[in-house]
Amino acid sequence: MRSGFAKRSQGVNTPSAPKPPSQQRSRETLARIVSATERLLHDRNFEEITVAEIAKTAHSSVGSFYARFEDKDALLDYLDIVHAEKLIERITEYSEDERWQGAHIEELVREVIRFLIGFFKEHKGLLRALTVRARLTDEPRFAEVTRRVNNRVPELIRLVLSRRSEIAHPSPDQAVYLGFVMILSTLRERLLFPEAYPTQLPISDSLLADELQHAYLAYLGV
């Protein structure tokens, strides 16, 4: 599902969401630093952003930054963990939504794709930074939280498999899984790294969702 949610450590521990500071003022400062970083990542690569820029955008000070994080990488690790927890929570809530009861497979696929597009767009800069870092390193500290997030992906896959009777592919489980991987890969590359796939044809989010839906359903034999 994603690349590189993890905590800085020498070994592979089981990271969990960091506890927020106890004081309200400190919580607000931390929230501003996190928000400022995500805003800056919307248009810039992580390597291009300085601590001074983060502090200025957060209406804080460099000293306040270093009082909370050892360096930029520590901040990215923090965002990594917090973002993973949010993603796990959202996938769980989405997959358990009562609106899926009685929904046809076409509706399920369409809405799951739109959900994924929305999440990629909302966190584009951070996801890009985490993906780039994961691609450039093989440190084992990334593995545990990645595993925890990936363990929730089947919840979305089960939504589609719950309409097994509507799938004509001879191997429904395999087709649903592989098709899902193809959708995730397409969305990651298209939305996070659009400069790598230049095209003269305008592709809106709506068109992208429609085309992926058609391709997935055709592969499933729906």
N, C-alpha and C. Protein backbone atom coordinates (compact mmCIF):
# COMPACT_ATOMS: atom_id res chain seq x y z
N MET A 1 0.82 -1.21 0.00
CA MET A 1 0.00 0.00 0.00
C MET A 1 0.85 1.25 0.00
N ARG A 2 1.91 1.18 0.76
CA ARG A 2 2.73 2.38 0.86
C ARG A 2 4.17 1.98 1.05
N SER A 3 5.04 2.97 1.01
CA SER A 3 6.46 2.70 1.18
C SER A 3 6.99 3.50 2.35
N GLY A 4 7.49 2.82 3.35
CA GLY A 4 8.27 3.44 4.40
C GLY A 4 7.56 4.18 5.48
N PHE A 5 6.69 3.57 6.29
CA PHE A 5 6.26 4.16 7.54
C PHE A 5 7.14 3.51 8.60
N ALA A 6 7.92 4.30 9.36
CA ALA A 6 8.78 3.64 10.33
C ALA A 6 9.32 4.60 11.36
N LYS A 7 10.00 4.05 12.33
CA LYS A 7 10.59 4.83 13.41
C LYS A 7 12.10 4.67 13.38
N ARG A 8 12.81 5.74 13.65
CA ARG A 8 14.27 5.68 13.62
C ARG A 8 14.73 4.80 14.78
N SER A 9 15.51 3.80 14.44
CA SER A 9 16.06 2.92 15.46
C SER A 9 17.17 2.10 14.86
N GLN A 10 17.92 1.42 15.69
CA GLN A 10 19.00 0.59 15.19
C GLN A 10 18.48 -0.77 14.74
N GLY A 11 17.36 -1.20 15.27
CA GLY A 11 16.79 -2.49 14.91
C GLY A 11 15.37 -2.32 14.45
N VAL A 12 14.67 -3.43 14.32
CA VAL A 12 13.28 -3.39 13.91
C VAL A 12 12.42 -3.51 15.15
N ASN A 13 11.91 -2.39 15.64
CA ASN A 13 11.01 -2.40 16.77
C ASN A 13 9.58 -2.33 16.25
N THR A 14 8.64 -2.29 17.15
CA THR A 14 7.25 -2.13 16.74
C THR A 14 6.83 -0.71 17.06
N PRO A 15 6.92 0.20 16.11
CA PRO A 15 6.61 1.60 16.38
C PRO A 15 5.13 1.82 16.55
N SER A 16 4.78 2.78 17.35
CA SER A 16 3.39 3.16 17.52
C SER A 16 3.29 4.66 17.41
N ALA A 17 2.09 5.16 17.32
CA ALA A 17 1.91 6.60 17.16
C ALA A 17 2.49 7.33 18.36
N PRO A 18 3.35 8.34 18.15
CA PRO A 18 3.94 9.07 19.27
C PRO A 18 2.87 9.76 20.10
N LYS A 19 3.05 9.75 21.41
CA LYS A 19 2.09 10.42 22.27
C LYS A 19 2.25 11.94 22.13
N PRO A 20 1.16 12.68 22.03
CA PRO A 20 1.27 14.13 21.90
C PRO A 20 1.78 14.74 23.19
N PRO A 21 2.41 15.91 23.12
CA PRO A 21 2.89 16.57 24.33
C PRO A 21 1.73 16.82 25.29
N SER A 22 2.04 16.88 26.58
CA SER A 22 0.99 17.05 27.58
C SER A 22 0.47 18.47 27.65
N GLN A 23 1.31 19.46 27.34
CA GLN A 23 0.89 20.85 27.43
C GLN A 23 0.23 21.31 26.13
N GLN A 24 -0.85 22.06 26.26
CA GLN A 24 -1.61 22.52 25.11
C GLN A 24 -0.75 23.34 24.16
N ARG A 25 0.04 24.25 24.70
CA ARG A 25 0.89 25.11 23.86
C ARG A 25 1.87 24.29 23.05
N SER A 26 2.46 23.27 23.70
CA SER A 26 3.42 22.42 23.00
C SER A 26 2.73 21.59 21.92
N ARG A 27 1.51 21.13 22.21
CA ARG A 27 0.75 20.38 21.20
C ARG A 27 0.45 21.25 19.99
N GLU A 28 0.11 22.50 20.24
CA GLU A 28 -0.20 23.42 19.15
C GLU A 28 1.04 23.70 18.30
N THR A 29 2.18 23.86 18.96
CA THR A 29 3.43 24.08 18.22
C THR A 29 3.75 22.88 17.35
N LEU A 30 3.63 21.69 17.91
CA LEU A 30 3.90 20.47 17.14
C LEU A 30 2.95 20.36 15.96
N ALA A 31 1.68 20.66 16.18
CA ALA A 31 0.70 20.59 15.10
C ALA A 31 1.03 21.57 13.98
N ARG A 32 1.51 22.76 14.34
CA ARG A 32 1.87 23.75 13.33
C ARG A 32 3.08 23.29 12.54
N ILE A 33 4.05 22.66 13.19
CA ILE A 33 5.24 22.15 12.50
C ILE A 33 4.84 21.07 11.50
N VAL A 34 3.99 20.16 11.94
CA VAL A 34 3.52 19.08 11.07
C VAL A 34 2.76 19.65 9.88
N SER A 35 1.83 20.57 10.14
CA SER A 35 1.03 21.16 9.07
C SER A 35 1.90 21.94 8.10
N ALA A 36 2.85 22.69 8.63
CA ALA A 36 3.75 23.48 7.78
C ALA A 36 4.57 22.58 6.88
N THR A 37 5.05 21.48 7.42
CA THR A 37 5.86 20.55 6.62
C THR A 37 5.04 19.97 5.48
N GLU A 38 3.82 19.55 5.77
CA GLU A 38 2.96 18.99 4.72
C GLU A 38 2.64 20.03 3.66
N ARG A 39 2.43 21.28 4.06
CA ARG A 39 2.16 22.34 3.08
C ARG A 39 3.36 22.56 2.18
N LEU A 40 4.54 22.60 2.77
CA LEU A 40 5.76 22.80 1.98
C LEU A 40 6.01 21.63 1.05
N LEU A 41 5.66 20.43 1.48
CA LEU A 41 5.88 19.23 0.66
C LEU A 41 4.92 19.17 -0.52
N HIS A 42 3.90 19.96 -0.49
CA HIS A 42 2.94 19.94 -1.60
C HIS A 42 3.59 20.37 -2.91
N ASP A 43 4.56 21.30 -2.83
CA ASP A 43 5.19 21.82 -4.04
C ASP A 43 6.70 21.60 -4.08
N ARG A 44 7.27 21.07 -3.00
CA ARG A 44 8.73 20.93 -2.93
C ARG A 44 9.09 19.51 -2.53
N ASN A 45 10.30 19.11 -2.91
CA ASN A 45 10.83 17.84 -2.44
C ASN A 45 11.34 18.02 -1.02
N PHE A 46 11.32 16.96 -0.25
CA PHE A 46 11.72 17.03 1.15
C PHE A 46 13.15 17.52 1.29
N GLU A 47 14.03 17.08 0.40
CA GLU A 47 15.44 17.45 0.48
C GLU A 47 15.64 18.95 0.28
N GLU A 48 14.71 19.61 -0.40
CA GLU A 48 14.84 21.04 -0.70
C GLU A 48 14.38 21.93 0.45
N ILE A 49 13.63 21.37 1.37
CA ILE A 49 13.05 22.16 2.45
C ILE A 49 14.02 22.23 3.63
N THR A 50 14.19 23.43 4.18
CA THR A 50 15.09 23.60 5.31
C THR A 50 14.30 23.69 6.62
N VAL A 51 15.01 23.44 7.71
CA VAL A 51 14.38 23.57 9.02
C VAL A 51 13.91 25.00 9.24
N ALA A 52 14.69 25.96 8.78
CA ALA A 52 14.31 27.37 8.94
C ALA A 52 13.00 27.66 8.22
N GLU A 53 12.81 27.09 7.02
CA GLU A 53 11.57 27.30 6.28
C GLU A 53 10.39 26.67 7.01
N ILE A 54 10.61 25.49 7.55
CA ILE A 54 9.54 24.81 8.29
C ILE A 54 9.14 25.66 9.50
N ALA A 55 10.12 26.14 10.23
CA ALA A 55 9.85 26.95 11.42
C ALA A 55 9.12 28.24 11.05
N LYS A 56 9.57 28.90 9.98
CA LYS A 56 8.93 30.15 9.57
C LYS A 56 7.49 29.91 9.15
N THR A 57 7.26 28.86 8.35
CA THR A 57 5.91 28.55 7.89
C THR A 57 5.00 28.17 9.04
N ALA A 58 5.58 27.57 10.08
CA ALA A 58 4.82 27.16 11.26
C ALA A 58 4.63 28.29 12.26
N HIS A 59 5.16 29.49 11.94
CA HIS A 59 5.12 30.63 12.86
C HIS A 59 5.75 30.22 14.20
N SER A 60 6.87 29.54 14.09
CA SER A 60 7.58 29.07 15.27
C SER A 60 9.05 29.45 15.11
N SER A 61 9.91 28.81 15.87
CA SER A 61 11.34 29.11 15.82
C SER A 61 12.13 27.84 15.54
N VAL A 62 13.35 28.04 15.05
CA VAL A 62 14.23 26.89 14.82
C VAL A 62 14.50 26.17 16.14
N GLY A 63 14.61 26.94 17.21
CA GLY A 63 14.83 26.34 18.52
C GLY A 63 13.68 25.44 18.94
N SER A 64 12.46 25.87 18.64
CA SER A 64 11.28 25.05 18.96
C SER A 64 11.30 23.77 18.15
N PHE A 65 11.77 23.85 16.91
CA PHE A 65 11.85 22.65 16.08
C PHE A 65 12.81 21.64 16.72
N TYR A 66 14.03 22.12 17.05
CA TYR A 66 15.04 21.21 17.58
C TYR A 66 14.74 20.77 19.00
N ALA A 67 13.82 21.44 19.67
CA ALA A 67 13.39 20.99 20.99
C ALA A 67 12.52 19.74 20.86
N ARG A 68 12.00 19.50 19.64
CA ARG A 68 11.11 18.37 19.42
C ARG A 68 11.70 17.30 18.51
N PHE A 69 12.59 17.70 17.61
CA PHE A 69 13.16 16.75 16.66
C PHE A 69 14.66 16.93 16.57
N GLU A 70 15.35 15.82 16.46
CA GLU A 70 16.81 15.86 16.34
C GLU A 70 17.23 16.51 15.03
N ASP A 71 16.49 16.21 13.96
CA ASP A 71 16.79 16.77 12.64
C ASP A 71 15.58 16.56 11.74
N LYS A 72 15.72 16.90 10.46
CA LYS A 72 14.60 16.75 9.53
C LYS A 72 14.18 15.29 9.38
N ASP A 73 15.15 14.40 9.38
CA ASP A 73 14.81 12.98 9.23
C ASP A 73 13.96 12.49 10.39
N ALA A 74 14.23 12.99 11.58
CA ALA A 74 13.42 12.61 12.74
C ALA A 74 11.99 13.11 12.56
N LEU A 75 11.83 14.30 11.99
CA LEU A 75 10.49 14.81 11.70
C LEU A 75 9.79 13.92 10.69
N LEU A 76 10.50 13.51 9.65
CA LEU A 76 9.89 12.65 8.64
C LEU A 76 9.49 11.30 9.24
N ASP A 77 10.30 10.80 10.15
CA ASP A 77 9.95 9.56 10.84
C ASP A 77 8.67 9.73 11.65
N TYR A 78 8.56 10.87 12.32
CA TYR A 78 7.37 11.16 13.11
C TYR A 78 6.14 11.21 12.20
N LEU A 79 6.26 11.93 11.09
CA LEU A 79 5.15 12.02 10.14
C LEU A 79 4.81 10.63 9.59
N ASP A 80 5.83 9.84 9.40
CA ASP A 80 5.68 8.48 8.90
C ASP A 80 4.73 7.68 9.79
N ILE A 81 5.00 7.68 11.08
CA ILE A 81 4.22 6.91 12.04
C ILE A 81 2.80 7.46 12.16
N VAL A 82 2.69 8.78 12.34
CA VAL A 82 1.37 9.39 12.51
C VAL A 82 0.51 9.16 11.28
N HIS A 83 1.12 9.32 10.10
CA HIS A 83 0.39 9.14 8.85
C HIS A 83 -0.09 7.70 8.73
N ALA A 84 0.75 6.75 9.13
CA ALA A 84 0.37 5.33 9.07
C ALA A 84 -0.83 5.06 9.95
N GLU A 85 -0.83 5.62 11.15
CA GLU A 85 -1.95 5.40 12.06
C GLU A 85 -3.24 5.97 11.48
N LYS A 86 -3.15 7.14 10.85
CA LYS A 86 -4.33 7.74 10.24
C LYS A 86 -4.84 6.87 9.09
N LEU A 87 -3.92 6.35 8.30
CA LEU A 87 -4.31 5.52 7.16
C LEU A 87 -4.99 4.23 7.64
N ILE A 88 -4.42 3.60 8.66
CA ILE A 88 -5.03 2.39 9.23
C ILE A 88 -6.44 2.68 9.71
N GLU A 89 -6.60 3.80 10.41
CA GLU A 89 -7.91 4.16 10.94
C GLU A 89 -8.92 4.42 9.82
N ARG A 90 -8.47 5.13 8.79
CA ARG A 90 -9.39 5.47 7.69
C ARG A 90 -9.78 4.25 6.88
N ILE A 91 -8.84 3.33 6.64
CA ILE A 91 -9.16 2.12 5.90
C ILE A 91 -10.18 1.29 6.68
N THR A 92 -9.97 1.19 8.00
CA THR A 92 -10.88 0.40 8.83
C THR A 92 -12.28 1.02 8.81
N GLU A 93 -12.36 2.34 9.01
CA GLU A 93 -13.67 3.00 9.01
C GLU A 93 -14.35 2.87 7.65
N TYR A 94 -13.58 3.01 6.59
CA TYR A 94 -14.14 2.97 5.24
C TYR A 94 -14.68 1.57 4.93
N SER A 95 -13.91 0.55 5.27
CA SER A 95 -14.32 -0.81 4.93
C SER A 95 -15.51 -1.28 5.75
N GLU A 96 -15.72 -0.67 6.93
CA GLU A 96 -16.84 -1.07 7.79
C GLU A 96 -18.07 -0.20 7.61
N ASP A 97 -18.02 0.71 6.65
CA ASP A 97 -19.16 1.60 6.41
C ASP A 97 -20.40 0.80 6.00
N GLU A 98 -21.52 1.09 6.63
CA GLU A 98 -22.75 0.36 6.36
C GLU A 98 -23.28 0.57 4.94
N ARG A 99 -22.82 1.60 4.26
CA ARG A 99 -23.35 1.86 2.92
C ARG A 99 -22.98 0.77 1.93
N TRP A 100 -21.99 -0.08 2.27
CA TRP A 100 -21.58 -1.13 1.34
C TRP A 100 -22.54 -2.31 1.35
N GLN A 101 -23.41 -2.39 2.35
CA GLN A 101 -24.36 -3.48 2.39
C GLN A 101 -25.33 -3.38 1.21
N GLY A 102 -25.33 -4.39 0.37
CA GLY A 102 -26.22 -4.40 -0.78
C GLY A 102 -25.69 -3.68 -2.00
N ALA A 103 -24.50 -3.06 -1.90
CA ALA A 103 -23.95 -2.34 -3.05
C ALA A 103 -23.44 -3.33 -4.10
N HIS A 104 -23.61 -2.99 -5.38
CA HIS A 104 -23.10 -3.83 -6.46
C HIS A 104 -21.60 -3.63 -6.60
N ILE A 105 -20.95 -4.58 -7.25
CA ILE A 105 -19.50 -4.54 -7.37
C ILE A 105 -19.03 -3.30 -8.12
N GLU A 106 -19.80 -2.84 -9.10
CA GLU A 106 -19.40 -1.64 -9.84
C GLU A 106 -19.30 -0.44 -8.90
N GLU A 107 -20.26 -0.30 -8.01
CA GLU A 107 -20.24 0.81 -7.06
C GLU A 107 -19.09 0.67 -6.08
N LEU A 108 -18.85 -0.55 -5.59
CA LEU A 108 -17.75 -0.78 -4.66
C LEU A 108 -16.42 -0.39 -5.27
N VAL A 109 -16.17 -0.88 -6.49
CA VAL A 109 -14.90 -0.60 -7.15
C VAL A 109 -14.74 0.90 -7.40
N ARG A 110 -15.79 1.54 -7.88
CA ARG A 110 -15.72 2.98 -8.16
C ARG A 110 -15.38 3.77 -6.90
N GLU A 111 -16.06 3.46 -5.80
CA GLU A 111 -15.87 4.22 -4.58
C GLU A 111 -14.52 3.93 -3.92
N VAL A 112 -14.05 2.69 -4.00
CA VAL A 112 -12.74 2.37 -3.45
C VAL A 112 -11.65 3.13 -4.20
N ILE A 113 -11.77 3.18 -5.53
CA ILE A 113 -10.78 3.91 -6.33
C ILE A 113 -10.81 5.39 -6.00
N ARG A 114 -11.99 5.95 -5.86
CA ARG A 114 -12.11 7.37 -5.51
C ARG A 114 -11.54 7.64 -4.12
N PHE A 115 -11.76 6.72 -3.20
CA PHE A 115 -11.20 6.84 -1.86
C PHE A 115 -9.67 6.90 -1.92
N LEU A 116 -9.09 6.00 -2.71
CA LEU A 116 -7.63 5.95 -2.84
C LEU A 116 -7.09 7.20 -3.52
N ILE A 117 -7.75 7.66 -4.57
CA ILE A 117 -7.32 8.89 -5.24
C ILE A 117 -7.34 10.06 -4.27
N GLY A 118 -8.41 10.17 -3.50
CA GLY A 118 -8.52 11.25 -2.53
C GLY A 118 -7.41 11.23 -1.50
N PHE A 119 -7.07 10.02 -1.05
CA PHE A 119 -6.01 9.90 -0.05
C PHE A 119 -4.65 10.26 -0.63
N PHE A 120 -4.37 9.78 -1.84
CA PHE A 120 -3.11 10.11 -2.50
C PHE A 120 -2.99 11.62 -2.72
N LYS A 121 -4.08 12.25 -3.15
CA LYS A 121 -4.05 13.69 -3.43
C LYS A 121 -3.90 14.49 -2.14
N GLU A 122 -4.58 14.07 -1.09
CA GLU A 122 -4.56 14.80 0.17
C GLU A 122 -3.17 14.80 0.79
N HIS A 123 -2.44 13.70 0.64
CA HIS A 123 -1.13 13.56 1.27
C HIS A 123 -0.03 13.39 0.23
N LYS A 124 -0.20 14.01 -0.91
CA LYS A 124 0.72 13.81 -2.03
C LYS A 124 2.18 14.05 -1.66
N GLY A 125 2.45 15.21 -1.07
CA GLY A 125 3.83 15.56 -0.78
C GLY A 125 4.49 14.61 0.20
N LEU A 126 3.78 14.29 1.28
CA LEU A 126 4.34 13.39 2.27
C LEU A 126 4.52 11.99 1.71
N LEU A 127 3.53 11.49 0.99
CA LEU A 127 3.64 10.16 0.40
C LEU A 127 4.81 10.08 -0.58
N ARG A 128 4.99 11.15 -1.32
CA ARG A 128 6.12 11.18 -2.26
C ARG A 128 7.45 11.12 -1.51
N ALA A 129 7.56 11.92 -0.44
CA ALA A 129 8.79 11.94 0.34
C ALA A 129 9.08 10.57 0.96
N LEU A 130 8.05 9.94 1.50
CA LEU A 130 8.24 8.63 2.12
C LEU A 130 8.59 7.57 1.08
N THR A 131 7.96 7.66 -0.09
CA THR A 131 8.23 6.69 -1.15
C THR A 131 9.66 6.83 -1.66
N VAL A 132 10.10 8.07 -1.87
CA VAL A 132 11.47 8.30 -2.34
C VAL A 132 12.47 7.78 -1.32
N ARG A 133 12.23 8.07 -0.03
CA ARG A 133 13.16 7.61 0.99
C ARG A 133 13.22 6.08 1.04
N ALA A 134 12.06 5.45 0.94
CA ALA A 134 12.03 3.99 0.98
C ALA A 134 12.75 3.38 -0.21
N ARG A 135 12.65 4.04 -1.37
CA ARG A 135 13.31 3.51 -2.56
C ARG A 135 14.82 3.68 -2.51
N LEU A 136 15.29 4.61 -1.71
CA LEU A 136 16.72 4.88 -1.64
C LEU A 136 17.41 4.17 -0.49
N THR A 137 16.66 3.48 0.34
CA THR A 137 17.26 2.81 1.48
C THR A 137 16.61 1.45 1.69
N ASP A 138 17.37 0.54 2.25
CA ASP A 138 16.85 -0.78 2.58
C ASP A 138 16.91 -1.02 4.09
N GLU A 139 16.90 0.06 4.86
CA GLU A 139 16.98 -0.07 6.31
C GLU A 139 15.79 -0.86 6.85
N PRO A 140 16.03 -1.81 7.74
CA PRO A 140 14.95 -2.65 8.25
C PRO A 140 13.93 -1.91 9.10
N ARG A 141 14.27 -0.67 9.55
CA ARG A 141 13.35 0.05 10.42
C ARG A 141 12.05 0.42 9.73
N PHE A 142 12.02 0.33 8.38
CA PHE A 142 10.78 0.64 7.68
C PHE A 142 9.78 -0.51 7.72
N ALA A 143 10.25 -1.70 7.98
CA ALA A 143 9.45 -2.89 7.72
C ALA A 143 8.21 -3.03 8.59
N GLU A 144 8.33 -2.77 9.88
CA GLU A 144 7.25 -3.12 10.80
C GLU A 144 5.97 -2.32 10.55
N VAL A 145 6.07 -1.00 10.43
CA VAL A 145 4.85 -0.21 10.24
C VAL A 145 4.29 -0.44 8.84
N THR A 146 5.18 -0.64 7.87
CA THR A 146 4.72 -0.98 6.52
C THR A 146 3.88 -2.26 6.58
N ARG A 147 4.34 -3.23 7.35
CA ARG A 147 3.60 -4.48 7.48
C ARG A 147 2.23 -4.23 8.11
N ARG A 148 2.20 -3.39 9.13
CA ARG A 148 0.93 -3.10 9.81
C ARG A 148 -0.06 -2.43 8.88
N VAL A 149 0.41 -1.50 8.06
CA VAL A 149 -0.48 -0.85 7.11
C VAL A 149 -0.94 -1.83 6.05
N ASN A 150 0.00 -2.59 5.51
CA ASN A 150 -0.35 -3.54 4.46
C ASN A 150 -1.31 -4.61 4.95
N ASN A 151 -1.29 -4.89 6.24
CA ASN A 151 -2.23 -5.86 6.80
C ASN A 151 -3.68 -5.36 6.74
N ARG A 152 -3.86 -4.05 6.58
CA ARG A 152 -5.21 -3.49 6.49
C ARG A 152 -5.72 -3.42 5.05
N VAL A 153 -4.81 -3.52 4.09
CA VAL A 153 -5.23 -3.48 2.68
C VAL A 153 -6.26 -4.56 2.36
N PRO A 154 -6.10 -5.80 2.88
CA PRO A 154 -7.10 -6.82 2.58
C PRO A 154 -8.53 -6.43 2.97
N GLU A 155 -8.68 -5.47 3.89
CA GLU A 155 -10.02 -5.04 4.25
C GLU A 155 -10.71 -4.41 3.04
N LEU A 156 -9.96 -3.68 2.22
CA LEU A 156 -10.53 -3.12 1.00
C LEU A 156 -10.74 -4.20 -0.05
N ILE A 157 -9.80 -5.13 -0.12
CA ILE A 157 -9.91 -6.23 -1.09
C ILE A 157 -11.13 -7.09 -0.76
N ARG A 158 -11.38 -7.31 0.53
CA ARG A 158 -12.53 -8.12 0.92
C ARG A 158 -13.84 -7.49 0.51
N LEU A 159 -13.88 -6.16 0.45
CA LEU A 159 -15.10 -5.50 -0.03
C LEU A 159 -15.46 -5.97 -1.43
N VAL A 160 -14.44 -6.04 -2.30
CA VAL A 160 -14.67 -6.48 -3.67
C VAL A 160 -14.97 -7.97 -3.71
N LEU A 161 -14.22 -8.76 -2.93
CA LEU A 161 -14.43 -10.20 -2.92
C LEU A 161 -15.78 -10.59 -2.32
N SER A 162 -16.38 -9.69 -1.55
CA SER A 162 -17.69 -10.00 -1.00
C SER A 162 -18.75 -10.09 -2.10
N ARG A 163 -18.40 -9.64 -3.31
CA ARG A 163 -19.30 -9.75 -4.47
C ARG A 163 -18.75 -10.80 -5.44
N ARG A 164 -18.20 -11.86 -4.86
CA ARG A 164 -17.59 -12.92 -5.64
C ARG A 164 -18.52 -13.47 -6.72
N SER A 165 -19.81 -13.55 -6.42
CA SER A 165 -20.76 -14.12 -7.37
C SER A 165 -20.88 -13.30 -8.66
N GLU A 166 -20.42 -12.04 -8.62
CA GLU A 166 -20.50 -11.18 -9.79
C GLU A 166 -19.21 -11.21 -10.60
N ILE A 167 -18.20 -11.95 -10.12
CA ILE A 167 -16.90 -11.99 -10.78
C ILE A 167 -16.80 -13.24 -11.65
N ALA A 168 -16.48 -13.05 -12.93
CA ALA A 168 -16.40 -14.18 -13.87
C ALA A 168 -14.99 -14.71 -14.04
N HIS A 169 -13.99 -14.01 -13.53
CA HIS A 169 -12.61 -14.48 -13.66
C HIS A 169 -12.49 -15.87 -13.01
N PRO A 170 -11.76 -16.80 -13.63
CA PRO A 170 -11.65 -18.16 -13.09
C PRO A 170 -10.96 -18.24 -11.72
N SER A 171 -10.16 -17.23 -11.38
CA SER A 171 -9.50 -17.19 -10.07
C SER A 171 -9.82 -15.86 -9.40
N PRO A 172 -11.00 -15.73 -8.82
CA PRO A 172 -11.44 -14.44 -8.27
C PRO A 172 -10.49 -13.83 -7.25
N ASP A 173 -10.01 -14.66 -6.31
CA ASP A 173 -9.11 -14.12 -5.26
C ASP A 173 -7.85 -13.52 -5.88
N GLN A 174 -7.25 -14.25 -6.79
CA GLN A 174 -6.03 -13.79 -7.44
C GLN A 174 -6.29 -12.54 -8.27
N ALA A 175 -7.38 -12.53 -9.01
CA ALA A 175 -7.69 -11.40 -9.87
C ALA A 175 -7.98 -10.14 -9.07
N VAL A 176 -8.75 -10.28 -8.00
CA VAL A 176 -9.06 -9.11 -7.17
C VAL A 176 -7.79 -8.53 -6.57
N TYR A 177 -6.90 -9.39 -6.08
CA TYR A 177 -5.66 -8.93 -5.48
C TYR A 177 -4.73 -8.28 -6.50
N LEU A 178 -4.48 -8.97 -7.62
CA LEU A 178 -3.55 -8.43 -8.62
C LEU A 178 -4.10 -7.14 -9.24
N GLY A 179 -5.40 -7.11 -9.47
CA GLY A 179 -6.00 -5.90 -10.01
C GLY A 179 -5.86 -4.74 -9.05
N PHE A 180 -5.99 -5.02 -7.76
CA PHE A 180 -5.84 -3.99 -6.74
C PHE A 180 -4.42 -3.45 -6.73
N VAL A 181 -3.45 -4.35 -6.83
CA VAL A 181 -2.04 -3.94 -6.88
C VAL A 181 -1.79 -3.05 -8.09
N MET A 182 -2.38 -3.40 -9.23
CA MET A 182 -2.20 -2.59 -10.44
C MET A 182 -2.79 -1.19 -10.26
N ILE A 183 -3.94 -1.12 -9.59
CA ILE A 183 -4.56 0.18 -9.34
C ILE A 183 -3.67 1.02 -8.42
N LEU A 184 -3.21 0.43 -7.33
CA LEU A 184 -2.34 1.17 -6.40
C LEU A 184 -1.07 1.65 -7.08
N SER A 185 -0.47 0.79 -7.89
CA SER A 185 0.77 1.16 -8.59
C SER A 185 0.52 2.30 -9.56
N THR A 186 -0.57 2.23 -10.28
CA THR A 186 -0.91 3.29 -11.23
C THR A 186 -1.14 4.61 -10.52
N LEU A 187 -1.91 4.58 -9.43
CA LEU A 187 -2.20 5.81 -8.70
C LEU A 187 -0.93 6.40 -8.10
N ARG A 188 -0.08 5.55 -7.53
CA ARG A 188 1.17 6.05 -6.93
C ARG A 188 2.03 6.75 -7.97
N GLU A 189 2.25 6.09 -9.10
CA GLU A 189 3.13 6.67 -10.11
C GLU A 189 2.49 7.88 -10.78
N ARG A 190 1.21 7.81 -11.06
CA ARG A 190 0.54 8.90 -11.77
C ARG A 190 0.36 10.14 -10.89
N LEU A 191 -0.01 9.93 -9.62
CA LEU A 191 -0.32 11.06 -8.75
C LEU A 191 0.89 11.59 -7.99
N LEU A 192 1.84 10.72 -7.65
CA LEU A 192 3.00 11.17 -6.89
C LEU A 192 4.18 11.58 -7.77
N PHE A 193 4.28 10.96 -8.95
CA PHE A 193 5.41 11.23 -9.83
C PHE A 193 4.92 11.53 -11.26
N PRO A 194 4.03 12.51 -11.43
CA PRO A 194 3.46 12.79 -12.75
C PRO A 194 4.50 13.22 -13.78
N GLU A 195 5.60 13.83 -13.31
CA GLU A 195 6.62 14.29 -14.25
C GLU A 195 7.31 13.13 -14.95
N ALA A 196 7.21 11.94 -14.40
CA ALA A 196 7.85 10.78 -15.01
C ALA A 196 7.00 10.18 -16.13
N TYR A 197 5.75 10.64 -16.22
CA TYR A 197 4.85 10.10 -17.24
C TYR A 197 4.15 11.25 -17.97
N PRO A 198 4.92 12.03 -18.73
CA PRO A 198 4.33 13.17 -19.43
C PRO A 198 3.33 12.73 -20.48
N THR A 199 2.27 13.49 -20.62
CA THR A 199 1.27 13.20 -21.64
C THR A 199 0.63 14.49 -22.10
N GLN A 200 0.28 14.55 -23.38
CA GLN A 200 -0.37 15.72 -23.92
C GLN A 200 -1.87 15.66 -23.69
N LEU A 201 -2.36 14.53 -23.23
CA LEU A 201 -3.79 14.37 -22.98
C LEU A 201 -4.09 14.72 -21.52
N PRO A 202 -5.02 15.65 -21.29
CA PRO A 202 -5.38 15.97 -19.91
C PRO A 202 -6.10 14.80 -19.26
N ILE A 203 -5.64 14.42 -18.08
CA ILE A 203 -6.26 13.31 -17.35
C ILE A 203 -6.70 13.83 -15.99
N SER A 204 -7.99 14.08 -15.87
CA SER A 204 -8.54 14.55 -14.60
C SER A 204 -8.65 13.39 -13.62
N ASP A 205 -8.84 13.71 -12.35
CA ASP A 205 -9.02 12.66 -11.35
C ASP A 205 -10.25 11.83 -11.67
N SER A 206 -11.30 12.49 -12.15
CA SER A 206 -12.53 11.79 -12.49
C SER A 206 -12.31 10.81 -13.64
N LEU A 207 -11.59 11.27 -14.67
CA LEU A 207 -11.31 10.40 -15.81
C LEU A 207 -10.42 9.23 -15.38
N LEU A 208 -9.43 9.51 -14.56
CA LEU A 208 -8.54 8.46 -14.07
C LEU A 208 -9.33 7.41 -13.30
N ALA A 209 -10.24 7.85 -12.45
CA ALA A 209 -11.07 6.92 -11.68
C ALA A 209 -11.93 6.08 -12.60
N ASP A 210 -12.54 6.72 -13.59
CA ASP A 210 -13.42 5.99 -14.52
C ASP A 210 -12.64 4.93 -15.30
N GLU A 211 -11.47 5.30 -15.80
CA GLU A 211 -10.70 4.37 -16.62
C GLU A 211 -10.16 3.20 -15.79
N LEU A 212 -9.73 3.48 -14.57
CA LEU A 212 -9.26 2.41 -13.71
C LEU A 212 -10.41 1.47 -13.33
N GLN A 213 -11.57 2.05 -13.11
CA GLN A 213 -12.75 1.23 -12.80
C GLN A 213 -13.07 0.30 -13.97
N HIS A 214 -13.09 0.86 -15.18
CA HIS A 214 -13.40 0.05 -16.36
C HIS A 214 -12.37 -1.06 -16.53
N ALA A 215 -11.09 -0.74 -16.35
CA ALA A 215 -10.03 -1.73 -16.54
C ALA A 215 -10.13 -2.83 -15.49
N TYR A 216 -10.36 -2.46 -14.25
CA TYR A 216 -10.44 -3.44 -13.17
C TYR A 216 -11.64 -4.37 -13.36
N LEU A 217 -12.79 -3.79 -13.65
CA LEU A 217 -14.00 -4.61 -13.83
C LEU A 217 -13.86 -5.55 -15.04
N ALA A 218 -13.23 -5.05 -16.09
CA ALA A 218 -13.03 -5.89 -17.27
C ALA A 218 -12.12 -7.07 -16.94
N TYR A 219 -11.08 -6.79 -16.14
CA TYR A 219 -10.15 -7.85 -15.73
C TYR A 219 -10.87 -8.89 -14.87
N LEU A 220 -11.78 -8.42 -14.02
CA LEU A 220 -12.54 -9.35 -13.17
C LEU A 220 -13.62 -10.10 -13.93
N GLY A 221 -13.91 -9.63 -15.14
CA GLY A 221 -14.94 -10.28 -15.93
C GLY A 221 -16.34 -9.88 -15.51
N VAL A 222 -16.47 -8.64 -15.06
CA VAL A 222 -17.78 -8.13 -14.62
C VAL A 222 -18.50 -7.48 -15.80
